[in-house]
Amino acid sequence: MTTPHPPRDPSRRRAALALAATALAGAPALALAEYPRGTIRAVVPFAPGGSSDALARLYANKLAALWDRTVVVDNRAGASGNIGIAALAKSKPDGLTIMFSSSAVTWNPALFNKLGFDPIKEVIPVARLAESQQVINASTSRFPTQSLREVIQWAKERPGKLNLAASGVGLVEAYFAVKTGIEVEIIRYKSSAEAARAILSGECDLFLGSALNIVPLLPTGKVRAVAVTGMERMSVLPQVPTTAEAGYPDIQFSYLFGAFVPGGTPSDVLRELNVALNRITADPSVVAEMVKLGWTPRTGSAEAFGVEYRAEIQEWKDVVKRAKIDPID
């Protein structure tokens, strides 16, 4: 999941993270007498067990320790995340309800006709905490030389013949097709694990998945990673080029993981929460856990995340329109 967003300068990102680690390490303790007062509810719009849930629990534990407050994780799964997002949107805007979510928060406004919440007015971005780029993987039985250019050229010469394995609705796969200008058949599976098995068996030609799903498949020789979708190569796959290095700079996207509060939350609370979350993200133990789960840490202001959030919602709406995906009622 990383979500598509404008290319960012990786040196600036590293500098920002280093600056946060330095500046925030010496930041004064938050004004606990003013905020937060009471138990904090951390809404997670997915069932327990996934990497997003694991990250949410990590941040909840760190916030509890930082603020000396009780933080309760509230998993509100269902409707592709909409139930949990709506629960946040309808909560009291006092800073005591925080949602930790992945890219569903930017996908769903494009995928659903009826959300049950206003994604702009009722869901306010606080901090983009992490992102996870995807690995583009090809079946070795279909593409012996295994370059991204070969895959795309093959697909352009055979419109509609390339099979992409997708978990869920296939929005990321539609993004890939739109950005490369190819016609594909998206075969949808219930989970990433099922989609990974499909390319392993040769049932599908291409699969865009996380490093956690892909790395264990590579020793079989049946699947080869041809590119990664971020701005930098991945430490776990240093030999695999980025899409830009492979000749396709427009194919850049990552799943997001971020924190959100209800619309109407006071600006001073928003700023204080942003500082706390950036401080946690700069913690070496948090960075290590993120890397283990396949995520890359991010820090930054709520204002910058808000700009990205709104741009990504519009980007996904454009993809849905161009890919002629029927929104869900």
C-alpha atoms as a PDB file:
ATOM      1  CA  MET A   1       0.000   0.000   0.000  1.00  0.00           C
ATOM      2  CA  THR A   2       2.103   2.458  -0.103  1.00  0.00           C
ATOM      3  CA  THR A   3      -0.841   5.324  -2.104  1.00  0.00           C
ATOM      4  CA  PRO A   4       0.406   7.309  -5.079  1.00  0.00           C
ATOM      5  CA  HIS A   5       1.926  10.640  -4.183  1.00  0.00           C
ATOM      6  CA  PRO A   6       4.251  13.128  -5.900  1.00  0.00           C
ATOM      7  CA  PRO A   7       7.899  11.953  -5.942  1.00  0.00           C
ATOM      8  CA  ARG A   8       9.796  13.216  -2.913  1.00  0.00           C
ATOM      9  CA  ASP A   9      13.494  13.898  -2.549  1.00  0.00           C
ATOM     10  CA  PRO A  10      14.872  10.929  -0.519  1.00  0.00           C
ATOM     11  CA  SER A  11      17.711  13.036   0.893  1.00  0.00           C
ATOM     12  CA  ARG A  12      15.157  15.457   2.319  1.00  0.00           C
ATOM     13  CA  ARG A  13      13.230  12.593   3.879  1.00  0.00           C
ATOM     14  CA  ARG A  14      16.348  11.241   5.554  1.00  0.00           C
ATOM     15  CA  ALA A  15      17.263  14.724   6.745  1.00  0.00           C
ATOM     16  CA  ALA A  16      13.770  15.283   8.129  1.00  0.00           C
ATOM     17  CA  LEU A  17      13.846  12.012  10.040  1.00  0.00           C
ATOM     18  CA  ALA A  18      17.296  12.759  11.434  1.00  0.00           C
ATOM     19  CA  LEU A  19      16.185  16.254  12.446  1.00  0.00           C
ATOM     20  CA  ALA A  20      13.116  14.850  14.198  1.00  0.00           C
ATOM     21  CA  ALA A  21      15.247  12.328  16.057  1.00  0.00           C
ATOM     22  CA  THR A  22      17.609  15.070  17.224  1.00  0.00           C
ATOM     23  CA  ALA A  23      15.122  17.829  17.996  1.00  0.00           C
ATOM     24  CA  LEU A  24      12.389  15.724  19.505  1.00  0.00           C
ATOM     25  CA  ALA A  25      14.725  13.691  21.677  1.00  0.00           C
ATOM     26  CA  GLY A  26      15.334  16.850  23.658  1.00  0.00           C
ATOM     27  CA  ALA A  27      11.766  18.155  23.450  1.00  0.00           C
ATOM     28  CA  PRO A  28      10.132  18.998  26.775  1.00  0.00           C
ATOM     29  CA  ALA A  29       7.459  16.708  28.133  1.00  0.00           C
ATOM     30  CA  LEU A  30       3.981  17.414  26.863  1.00  0.00           C
ATOM     31  CA  ALA A  31       1.682  19.503  29.003  1.00  0.00           C
ATOM     32  CA  LEU A  32      -0.166  16.625  30.576  1.00  0.00           C
ATOM     33  CA  ALA A  33      -2.255  18.931  32.744  1.00  0.00           C
ATOM     34  CA  GLU A  34      -3.908  20.280  29.592  1.00  0.00           C
ATOM     35  CA  TYR A  35      -3.834  17.387  27.125  1.00  0.00           C
ATOM     36  CA  PRO A  36      -4.643  14.600  27.186  1.00  0.00           C
ATOM     37  CA  ARG A  37      -7.098  14.266  30.042  1.00  0.00           C
ATOM     38  CA  GLY A  38      -8.609  10.815  30.305  1.00  0.00           C
ATOM     39  CA  THR A  39      -8.389   7.516  28.467  1.00  0.00           C
ATOM     40  CA  ILE A  40      -7.351   7.634  24.819  1.00  0.00           C
ATOM     41  CA  ARG A  41      -9.103   5.431  22.267  1.00  0.00           C
ATOM     42  CA  ALA A  42      -7.005   4.248  19.318  1.00  0.00           C
ATOM     43  CA  VAL A  43      -9.367   3.208  16.532  1.00  0.00           C
ATOM     44  CA  VAL A  44      -8.052   0.670  14.018  1.00  0.00           C
ATOM     45  CA  PRO A  45     -10.433   0.119  11.067  1.00  0.00           C
ATOM     46  CA  PHE A  46      -9.254  -3.462  10.534  1.00  0.00           C
ATOM     47  CA  ALA A  47      -9.281  -6.768  12.381  1.00  0.00           C
ATOM     48  CA  PRO A  48      -6.374  -7.668  14.672  1.00  0.00           C
ATOM     49  CA  GLY A  49      -3.408  -9.468  13.191  1.00  0.00           C
ATOM     50  CA  GLY A  50      -2.198  -7.488  10.179  1.00  0.00           C
ATOM     51  CA  SER A  51       0.846  -5.225   9.932  1.00  0.00           C
ATOM     52  CA  SER A  52      -1.307  -2.071  10.237  1.00  0.00           C
ATOM     53  CA  ASP A  53      -2.827  -3.396  13.453  1.00  0.00           C
ATOM     54  CA  ALA A  54       0.644  -4.274  14.750  1.00  0.00           C
ATOM     55  CA  LEU A  55       1.886  -0.756  14.048  1.00  0.00           C
ATOM     56  CA  ALA A  56      -1.203   0.780  15.651  1.00  0.00           C
ATOM     57  CA  ARG A  57      -0.611  -1.221  18.825  1.00  0.00           C
ATOM     58  CA  LEU A  58       3.034  -0.203  18.827  1.00  0.00           C
ATOM     59  CA  TYR A  59       2.075   3.487  18.708  1.00  0.00           C
ATOM     60  CA  ALA A  60      -0.670   3.001  21.282  1.00  0.00           C
ATOM     61  CA  ASN A  61       1.820   1.473  23.724  1.00  0.00           C
ATOM     62  CA  LYS A  62       4.361   4.223  23.098  1.00  0.00           C
ATOM     63  CA  LEU A  63       1.747   6.969  23.561  1.00  0.00           C
ATOM     64  CA  ALA A  64       0.632   5.373  26.817  1.00  0.00           C
ATOM     65  CA  ALA A  65       4.206   5.408  28.093  1.00  0.00           C
ATOM     66  CA  LEU A  66       4.954   8.939  26.823  1.00  0.00           C
ATOM     67  CA  TRP A  67       1.832  10.492  28.305  1.00  0.00           C
ATOM     68  CA  ASP A  68       1.308   8.170  31.278  1.00  0.00           C
ATOM     69  CA  ARG A  69      -2.251   7.597  30.144  1.00  0.00           C
ATOM     70  CA  THR A  70      -4.338   4.543  29.299  1.00  0.00           C
ATOM     71  CA  VAL A  71      -4.619   3.941  25.551  1.00  0.00           C
ATOM     72  CA  VAL A  72      -7.239   1.398  24.471  1.00  0.00           C
ATOM     73  CA  VAL A  73      -7.019  -0.139  20.984  1.00  0.00           C
ATOM     74  CA  ASP A  74     -10.473  -0.389  19.418  1.00  0.00           C
ATOM     75  CA  ASN A  75     -10.567  -2.601  16.303  1.00  0.00           C
ATOM     76  CA  ARG A  76     -13.585  -1.581  14.201  1.00  0.00           C
ATOM     77  CA  ALA A  77     -13.325  -3.860  11.165  1.00  0.00           C
ATOM     78  CA  GLY A  78     -15.811  -4.078   8.312  1.00  0.00           C
ATOM     79  CA  ALA A  79     -16.834  -2.502   5.001  1.00  0.00           C
ATOM     80  CA  SER A  80     -13.194  -2.292   3.857  1.00  0.00           C
ATOM     81  CA  GLY A  81     -12.392   0.007   6.757  1.00  0.00           C
ATOM     82  CA  ASN A  82     -15.398   2.318   6.450  1.00  0.00           C
ATOM     83  CA  ILE A  83     -16.932   1.230   9.768  1.00  0.00           C
ATOM     84  CA  GLY A  84     -13.826   2.208  11.703  1.00  0.00           C
ATOM     85  CA  ILE A  85     -13.321   5.449   9.793  1.00  0.00           C
ATOM     86  CA  ALA A  86     -16.952   6.419  10.409  1.00  0.00           C
ATOM     87  CA  ALA A  87     -16.476   5.643  14.114  1.00  0.00           C
ATOM     88  CA  LEU A  88     -13.632   8.146  14.212  1.00  0.00           C
ATOM     89  CA  ALA A  89     -15.547  10.757  12.192  1.00  0.00           C
ATOM     90  CA  LYS A  90     -18.492  10.689  14.596  1.00  0.00           C
ATOM     91  CA  SER A  91     -16.357  10.841  17.750  1.00  0.00           C
ATOM     92  CA  LYS A  92     -16.031  13.858  19.998  1.00  0.00           C
ATOM     93  CA  PRO A  93     -13.227  16.111  18.649  1.00  0.00           C
ATOM     94  CA  ASP A  94     -11.293  16.373  21.910  1.00  0.00           C
ATOM     95  CA  GLY A  95      -8.105  14.575  20.873  1.00  0.00           C
ATOM     96  CA  LEU A  96      -8.960  11.498  22.898  1.00  0.00           C
ATOM     97  CA  THR A  97      -9.965   9.468  19.832  1.00  0.00           C
ATOM     98  CA  ILE A  98      -7.177   8.781  17.350  1.00  0.00           C
ATOM     99  CA  MET A  99      -7.381   6.522  14.320  1.00  0.00           C
ATOM    100  CA  PHE A 100      -4.397   4.626  12.951  1.00  0.00           C
ATOM    101  CA  SER A 101      -5.106   3.596   9.374  1.00  0.00           C
ATOM    102  CA  SER A 102      -3.453   2.428   6.199  1.00  0.00           C
ATOM    103  CA  SER A 103      -4.396   3.483   2.648  1.00  0.00           C
ATOM    104  CA  ALA A 104      -8.073   2.529   2.951  1.00  0.00           C
ATOM    105  CA  VAL A 105      -8.671   6.045   4.258  1.00  0.00           C
ATOM    106  CA  THR A 106      -7.662   7.472   0.846  1.00  0.00           C
ATOM    107  CA  TRP A 107      -8.924   4.599  -1.333  1.00  0.00           C
ATOM    108  CA  ASN A 108     -12.448   4.340  -0.018  1.00  0.00           C
ATOM    109  CA  PRO A 109     -13.656   7.803  -1.094  1.00  0.00           C
ATOM    110  CA  ALA A 110     -12.897   6.649  -4.644  1.00  0.00           C
ATOM    111  CA  LEU A 111     -14.327   3.147  -4.287  1.00  0.00           C
ATOM    112  CA  PHE A 112     -17.600   3.744  -2.447  1.00  0.00           C
ATOM    113  CA  ASN A 113     -20.614   5.843  -3.383  1.00  0.00           C
ATOM    114  CA  LYS A 114     -21.747   5.970   0.239  1.00  0.00           C
ATOM    115  CA  LEU A 115     -19.140   6.282   2.964  1.00  0.00           C
ATOM    116  CA  GLY A 116     -21.071   7.339   6.053  1.00  0.00           C
ATOM    117  CA  PHE A 117     -18.596  10.178   6.665  1.00  0.00           C
ATOM    118  CA  ASP A 118     -17.055  13.163   4.911  1.00  0.00           C
ATOM    119  CA  PRO A 119     -13.382  12.280   4.257  1.00  0.00           C
ATOM    120  CA  ILE A 120     -12.320  15.926   4.041  1.00  0.00           C
ATOM    121  CA  LYS A 121     -14.330  17.599   6.799  1.00  0.00           C
ATOM    122  CA  GLU A 122     -14.688  14.774   9.315  1.00  0.00           C
ATOM    123  CA  VAL A 123     -11.319  12.988   8.996  1.00  0.00           C
ATOM    124  CA  ILE A 124      -8.304  15.180   9.788  1.00  0.00           C
ATOM    125  CA  PRO A 125      -4.738  13.985   9.113  1.00  0.00           C
ATOM    126  CA  VAL A 126      -2.317  14.330  12.019  1.00  0.00           C
ATOM    127  CA  ALA A 127       0.876  12.599  10.915  1.00  0.00           C
ATOM    128  CA  ARG A 128       2.041  10.323   8.149  1.00  0.00           C
ATOM    129  CA  LEU A 129       3.961   7.794  10.215  1.00  0.00           C
ATOM    130  CA  ALA A 130       5.141   5.229   7.687  1.00  0.00           C
ATOM    131  CA  GLU A 131       4.844   4.018   4.140  1.00  0.00           C
ATOM    132  CA  SER A 132       5.368   0.702   2.397  1.00  0.00           C
ATOM    133  CA  GLN A 133       6.313   0.491  -1.234  1.00  0.00           C
ATOM    134  CA  GLN A 134       5.318  -2.479  -3.342  1.00  0.00           C
ATOM    135  CA  VAL A 135       7.382  -5.046  -5.212  1.00  0.00           C
ATOM    136  CA  ILE A 136       6.411  -5.793  -8.824  1.00  0.00           C
ATOM    137  CA  ASN A 137       6.853  -9.508  -9.398  1.00  0.00           C
ATOM    138  CA  ALA A 138       6.696 -11.491 -12.611  1.00  0.00           C
ATOM    139  CA  SER A 139       6.278 -15.185 -13.310  1.00  0.00           C
ATOM    140  CA  THR A 140       9.546 -16.624 -14.633  1.00  0.00           C
ATOM    141  CA  SER A 141       7.629 -19.053 -16.838  1.00  0.00           C
ATOM    142  CA  ARG A 142       6.050 -16.122 -18.701  1.00  0.00           C
ATOM    143  CA  PHE A 143       8.963 -13.675 -18.659  1.00  0.00           C
ATOM    144  CA  PRO A 144      12.339 -15.415 -18.778  1.00  0.00           C
ATOM    145  CA  THR A 145      14.508 -12.258 -18.935  1.00  0.00           C
ATOM    146  CA  GLN A 146      12.569 -10.589 -16.142  1.00  0.00           C
ATOM    147  CA  SER A 147      12.748  -6.856 -16.710  1.00  0.00           C
ATOM    148  CA  LEU A 148       9.895  -4.432 -16.124  1.00  0.00           C
ATOM    149  CA  ARG A 149      10.320  -3.117 -19.658  1.00  0.00           C
ATOM    150  CA  GLU A 150       9.899  -6.635 -21.044  1.00  0.00           C
ATOM    151  CA  VAL A 151       6.700  -7.143 -19.059  1.00  0.00           C
ATOM    152  CA  ILE A 152       5.157  -3.868 -20.216  1.00  0.00           C
ATOM    153  CA  GLN A 153       6.221  -4.366 -23.844  1.00  0.00           C
ATOM    154  CA  TRP A 154       4.730  -7.873 -23.816  1.00  0.00           C
ATOM    155  CA  ALA A 155       1.465  -6.514 -22.446  1.00  0.00           C
ATOM    156  CA  LYS A 156       1.296  -3.719 -25.036  1.00  0.00           C
ATOM    157  CA  GLU A 157       1.724  -6.228 -27.850  1.00  0.00           C
ATOM    158  CA  ARG A 158      -1.027  -8.455 -26.399  1.00  0.00           C
ATOM    159  CA  PRO A 159      -3.801  -6.189 -25.028  1.00  0.00           C
ATOM    160  CA  GLY A 160      -5.849  -7.849 -22.296  1.00  0.00           C
ATOM    161  CA  LYS A 161      -3.621 -10.936 -22.085  1.00  0.00           C
ATOM    162  CA  LEU A 162      -1.560 -10.008 -19.029  1.00  0.00           C
ATOM    163  CA  ASN A 163      -3.071 -11.428 -15.820  1.00  0.00           C
ATOM    164  CA  LEU A 164      -2.506  -9.466 -12.614  1.00  0.00           C
ATOM    165  CA  ALA A 165      -3.163 -11.142  -9.279  1.00  0.00           C
ATOM    166  CA  ALA A 166      -4.846  -8.742  -6.848  1.00  0.00           C
ATOM    167  CA  SER A 167      -6.011  -8.961  -3.265  1.00  0.00           C
ATOM    168  CA  GLY A 168      -9.316  -7.187  -2.865  1.00  0.00           C
ATOM    169  CA  VAL A 169     -10.735  -4.823  -5.467  1.00  0.00           C
ATOM    170  CA  GLY A 170      -7.481  -4.439  -7.407  1.00  0.00           C
ATOM    171  CA  LEU A 171      -7.065  -0.677  -7.145  1.00  0.00           C
ATOM    172  CA  VAL A 172      -3.261  -0.771  -7.069  1.00  0.00           C
ATOM    173  CA  GLU A 173      -3.262  -3.032 -10.113  1.00  0.00           C
ATOM    174  CA  ALA A 174      -5.590  -0.622 -11.910  1.00  0.00           C
ATOM    175  CA  TYR A 175      -3.169   2.192 -11.037  1.00  0.00           C
ATOM    176  CA  PHE A 176      -0.315   0.184 -12.575  1.00  0.00           C
ATOM    177  CA  ALA A 177      -2.298  -0.406 -15.767  1.00  0.00           C
ATOM    178  CA  VAL A 178      -3.348   3.246 -16.049  1.00  0.00           C
ATOM    179  CA  LYS A 179       0.182   4.560 -15.522  1.00  0.00           C
ATOM    180  CA  THR A 180       1.736   2.156 -18.051  1.00  0.00           C
ATOM    181  CA  GLY A 181      -1.053   2.432 -20.610  1.00  0.00           C
ATOM    182  CA  ILE A 182      -1.642  -1.305 -20.871  1.00  0.00           C
ATOM    183  CA  GLU A 183      -4.805  -3.405 -20.924  1.00  0.00           C
ATOM    184  CA  VAL A 184      -4.767  -6.161 -18.335  1.00  0.00           C
ATOM    185  CA  GLU A 185      -7.038  -8.714 -16.743  1.00  0.00           C
ATOM    186  CA  ILE A 186      -7.156  -8.270 -12.979  1.00  0.00           C
ATOM    187  CA  ILE A 187      -7.877 -11.532 -11.162  1.00  0.00           C
ATOM    188  CA  ARG A 188      -9.093 -10.806  -7.643  1.00  0.00           C
ATOM    189  CA  TYR A 189      -8.295 -12.959  -4.609  1.00  0.00           C
ATOM    190  CA  LYS A 190      -9.493 -12.710  -1.035  1.00  0.00           C
ATOM    191  CA  SER A 191      -6.044 -12.121   0.428  1.00  0.00           C
ATOM    192  CA  SER A 192      -2.467 -11.259  -0.446  1.00  0.00           C
ATOM    193  CA  ALA A 193      -1.459 -14.798   0.472  1.00  0.00           C
ATOM    194  CA  GLU A 194      -3.871 -16.244  -2.121  1.00  0.00           C
ATOM    195  CA  ALA A 195      -2.627 -13.785  -4.750  1.00  0.00           C
ATOM    196  CA  ALA A 196       0.971 -14.751  -3.997  1.00  0.00           C
ATOM    197  CA  ARG A 197       0.132 -18.431  -4.411  1.00  0.00           C
ATOM    198  CA  ALA A 198      -1.491 -17.651  -7.767  1.00  0.00           C
ATOM    199  CA  ILE A 199       1.693 -16.215  -9.259  1.00  0.00           C
ATOM    200  CA  LEU A 200       3.756 -18.988  -7.672  1.00  0.00           C
ATOM    201  CA  SER A 201       1.624 -21.610  -9.408  1.00  0.00           C
ATOM    202  CA  GLY A 202       1.699 -19.784 -12.749  1.00  0.00           C
ATOM    203  CA  GLU A 203      -2.003 -19.004 -12.597  1.00  0.00           C
ATOM    204  CA  CYS A 204      -1.169 -15.292 -12.933  1.00  0.00           C
ATOM    205  CA  ASP A 205       1.636 -13.410 -14.674  1.00  0.00           C
ATOM    206  CA  LEU A 206       2.197 -10.460 -12.372  1.00  0.00           C
ATOM    207  CA  PHE A 207       1.704  -9.628  -8.701  1.00  0.00           C
ATOM    208  CA  LEU A 208       2.296  -6.371  -6.831  1.00  0.00           C
ATOM    209  CA  GLY A 209       2.885  -7.184  -3.200  1.00  0.00           C
ATOM    210  CA  SER A 210       4.774  -6.244  -0.066  1.00  0.00           C
ATOM    211  CA  ALA A 211       8.301  -7.427   0.581  1.00  0.00           C
ATOM    212  CA  LEU A 212       6.959  -9.525   3.462  1.00  0.00           C
ATOM    213  CA  ASN A 213       4.837 -11.496   0.987  1.00  0.00           C
ATOM    214  CA  ILE A 214       7.406 -11.625  -1.798  1.00  0.00           C
ATOM    215  CA  VAL A 215      10.829 -12.302  -0.308  1.00  0.00           C
ATOM    216  CA  PRO A 216       9.926 -15.858   0.832  1.00  0.00           C
ATOM    217  CA  LEU A 217       8.819 -16.733  -2.733  1.00  0.00           C
ATOM    218  CA  LEU A 218      11.975 -15.663  -4.550  1.00  0.00           C
ATOM    219  CA  PRO A 219      14.159 -18.706  -3.689  1.00  0.00           C
ATOM    220  CA  THR A 220      11.697 -20.941  -5.574  1.00  0.00           C
ATOM    221  CA  GLY A 221      12.847 -19.441  -8.882  1.00  0.00           C
ATOM    222  CA  LYS A 222       9.241 -19.276 -10.047  1.00  0.00           C
ATOM    223  CA  VAL A 223       8.883 -15.589  -9.282  1.00  0.00           C
ATOM    224  CA  ARG A 224      11.282 -12.715  -9.812  1.00  0.00           C
ATOM    225  CA  ALA A 225      11.074  -9.160  -8.505  1.00  0.00           C
ATOM    226  CA  VAL A 226      11.471  -6.766 -11.453  1.00  0.00           C
ATOM    227  CA  ALA A 227      11.076  -3.403  -9.698  1.00  0.00           C
ATOM    228  CA  VAL A 228      10.033  -1.659  -6.503  1.00  0.00           C
ATOM    229  CA  THR A 229       7.579   1.241  -6.550  1.00  0.00           C
ATOM    230  CA  GLY A 230       9.291   3.680  -4.193  1.00  0.00           C
ATOM    231  CA  MET A 231      11.940   6.343  -4.720  1.00  0.00           C
ATOM    232  CA  GLU A 232      14.724   4.212  -3.253  1.00  0.00           C
ATOM    233  CA  ARG A 233      15.743   0.573  -3.457  1.00  0.00           C
ATOM    234  CA  MET A 234      14.695  -1.615  -0.559  1.00  0.00           C
ATOM    235  CA  SER A 235      17.298  -2.809   1.932  1.00  0.00           C
ATOM    236  CA  VAL A 236      15.858  -6.330   1.793  1.00  0.00           C
ATOM    237  CA  LEU A 237      16.011  -6.349  -2.032  1.00  0.00           C
ATOM    238  CA  PRO A 238      19.048  -4.194  -2.870  1.00  0.00           C
ATOM    239  CA  GLN A 239      19.495  -5.765  -6.304  1.00  0.00           C
ATOM    240  CA  VAL A 240      15.989  -4.837  -7.488  1.00  0.00           C
ATOM    241  CA  PRO A 241      15.751  -1.474  -9.293  1.00  0.00           C
ATOM    242  CA  THR A 242      13.165   1.189  -8.616  1.00  0.00           C
ATOM    243  CA  THR A 243      10.538   1.805 -11.265  1.00  0.00           C
ATOM    244  CA  ALA A 244      12.326   5.070 -12.115  1.00  0.00           C
ATOM    245  CA  GLU A 245      15.608   3.208 -12.625  1.00  0.00           C
ATOM    246  CA  ALA A 246      13.737   0.703 -14.806  1.00  0.00           C
ATOM    247  CA  GLY A 247      12.553   3.533 -17.053  1.00  0.00           C
ATOM    248  CA  TYR A 248       9.091   4.214 -15.594  1.00  0.00           C
ATOM    249  CA  PRO A 249       9.296   7.172 -13.174  1.00  0.00           C
ATOM    250  CA  ASP A 250       5.509   7.705 -13.249  1.00  0.00           C
ATOM    251  CA  ILE A 251       4.924   4.383 -11.463  1.00  0.00           C
ATOM    252  CA  GLN A 252       5.644   5.485  -7.917  1.00  0.00           C
ATOM    253  CA  PHE A 253       3.365   4.673  -5.029  1.00  0.00           C
ATOM    254  CA  SER A 254       3.392   3.444  -1.471  1.00  0.00           C
ATOM    255  CA  TYR A 255       0.829   2.353   1.064  1.00  0.00           C
ATOM    256  CA  LEU A 256       0.473   4.899   3.820  1.00  0.00           C
ATOM    257  CA  PHE A 257       0.135   4.433   7.550  1.00  0.00           C
ATOM    258  CA  GLY A 258      -0.979   7.485   9.444  1.00  0.00           C
ATOM    259  CA  ALA A 259      -2.833   8.979  12.368  1.00  0.00           C
ATOM    260  CA  PHE A 260      -6.129  10.879  12.102  1.00  0.00           C
ATOM    261  CA  VAL A 261      -8.539  12.688  14.418  1.00  0.00           C
ATOM    262  CA  PRO A 262     -12.165  13.810  14.023  1.00  0.00           C
ATOM    263  CA  GLY A 263     -12.997  17.050  12.271  1.00  0.00           C
ATOM    264  CA  GLY A 264     -13.226  19.974  14.666  1.00  0.00           C
ATOM    265  CA  THR A 265     -10.299  18.874  16.829  1.00  0.00           C
ATOM    266  CA  PRO A 266      -8.583  22.034  18.175  1.00  0.00           C
ATOM    267  CA  SER A 267      -5.445  23.066  16.291  1.00  0.00           C
ATOM    268  CA  ASP A 268      -3.296  23.155  19.429  1.00  0.00           C
ATOM    269  CA  VAL A 269      -4.273  19.557  20.232  1.00  0.00           C
ATOM    270  CA  LEU A 270      -3.491  18.601  16.641  1.00  0.00           C
ATOM    271  CA  ARG A 271      -0.018  20.136  16.886  1.00  0.00           C
ATOM    272  CA  GLU A 272       0.709  18.520  20.246  1.00  0.00           C
ATOM    273  CA  LEU A 273      -0.342  15.110  18.980  1.00  0.00           C
ATOM    274  CA  ASN A 274       1.763  15.550  15.842  1.00  0.00           C
ATOM    275  CA  VAL A 275       4.832  16.333  17.960  1.00  0.00           C
ATOM    276  CA  ALA A 276       4.240  13.267  20.137  1.00  0.00           C
ATOM    277  CA  LEU A 277       3.799  10.932  17.171  1.00  0.00           C
ATOM    278  CA  ASN A 278       6.889  12.280  15.404  1.00  0.00           C
ATOM    279  CA  ARG A 279       8.830  11.762  18.594  1.00  0.00           C
ATOM    280  CA  ILE A 280       7.688   8.139  18.725  1.00  0.00           C
ATOM    281  CA  THR A 281       8.528   7.582  15.052  1.00  0.00           C
ATOM    282  CA  ALA A 282      12.092   8.782  15.699  1.00  0.00           C
ATOM    283  CA  ASP A 283      12.527   6.146  18.435  1.00  0.00           C
ATOM    284  CA  PRO A 284      15.098   3.574  17.175  1.00  0.00           C
ATOM    285  CA  SER A 285      13.063   0.693  18.591  1.00  0.00           C
ATOM    286  CA  VAL A 286      10.016   1.850  16.609  1.00  0.00           C
ATOM    287  CA  VAL A 287      12.090   2.201  13.432  1.00  0.00           C
ATOM    288  CA  ALA A 288      13.427  -1.332  13.902  1.00  0.00           C
ATOM    289  CA  GLU A 289       9.915  -2.744  14.357  1.00  0.00           C
ATOM    290  CA  MET A 290       8.673  -0.863  11.293  1.00  0.00           C
ATOM    291  CA  VAL A 291      11.441  -2.292   9.128  1.00  0.00           C
ATOM    292  CA  LYS A 292      10.651  -5.770  10.416  1.00  0.00           C
ATOM    293  CA  LEU A 293       7.024  -5.294   9.331  1.00  0.00           C
ATOM    294  CA  GLY A 294       8.012  -3.947   5.908  1.00  0.00           C
ATOM    295  CA  TRP A 295       7.429  -0.228   6.548  1.00  0.00           C
ATOM    296  CA  THR A 296       9.635   2.866   6.205  1.00  0.00           C
ATOM    297  CA  PRO A 297       9.290   5.600   8.873  1.00  0.00           C
ATOM    298  CA  ARG A 298       8.053   9.074   7.978  1.00  0.00           C
ATOM    299  CA  THR A 299       7.884  12.281   9.965  1.00  0.00           C
ATOM    300  CA  GLY A 300       6.451  15.675   9.123  1.00  0.00           C
ATOM    301  CA  SER A 301       3.847  18.275   9.910  1.00  0.00           C
ATOM    302  CA  ALA A 302       0.099  17.785  10.001  1.00  0.00           C
ATOM    303  CA  GLU A 303      -0.206  20.453   7.307  1.00  0.00           C
ATOM    304  CA  ALA A 304       2.090  18.570   4.912  1.00  0.00           C
ATOM    305  CA  PHE A 305       0.256  15.316   5.537  1.00  0.00           C
ATOM    306  CA  GLY A 306      -3.054  17.057   4.919  1.00  0.00           C
ATOM    307  CA  VAL A 307      -1.885  18.193   1.485  1.00  0.00           C
ATOM    308  CA  GLU A 308      -0.742  14.665   0.637  1.00  0.00           C
ATOM    309  CA  TYR A 309      -3.945  13.126   1.975  1.00  0.00           C
ATOM    310  CA  ARG A 310      -6.226  15.289  -0.154  1.00  0.00           C
ATOM    311  CA  ALA A 311      -4.058  14.834  -3.245  1.00  0.00           C
ATOM    312  CA  GLU A 312      -4.078  11.054  -2.854  1.00  0.00           C
ATOM    313  CA  ILE A 313      -7.857  10.905  -2.525  1.00  0.00           C
ATOM    314  CA  GLN A 314      -8.139  12.799  -5.808  1.00  0.00           C
ATOM    315  CA  GLU A 315      -5.491  10.585  -7.443  1.00  0.00           C
ATOM    316  CA  TRP A 316      -7.418   7.453  -6.551  1.00  0.00           C
ATOM    317  CA  LYS A 317     -10.638   8.967  -7.871  1.00  0.00           C
ATOM    318  CA  ASP A 318      -8.878   9.645 -11.164  1.00  0.00           C
ATOM    319  CA  VAL A 319      -7.592   6.059 -11.309  1.00  0.00           C
ATOM    320  CA  VAL A 320     -11.060   4.639 -10.646  1.00  0.00           C
ATOM    321  CA  LYS A 321     -12.498   6.805 -13.408  1.00  0.00           C
ATOM    322  CA  ARG A 322      -9.799   6.015 -15.968  1.00  0.00           C
ATOM    323  CA  ALA A 323      -9.828   2.291 -15.141  1.00  0.00           C
ATOM    324  CA  LYS A 324     -13.650   2.295 -15.388  1.00  0.00           C
ATOM    325  CA  ILE A 325     -14.076   0.681 -11.986  1.00  0.00           C
ATOM    326  CA  ASP A 326     -17.676   0.788 -10.817  1.00  0.00           C
ATOM    327  CA  PRO A 327     -17.899   2.323  -7.324  1.00  0.00           C
ATOM    328  CA  ILE A 328     -19.528   0.169  -4.660  1.00  0.00           C
ATOM    329  CA  ASP A 329     -23.011   1.208  -3.462  1.00  0.00           C
END
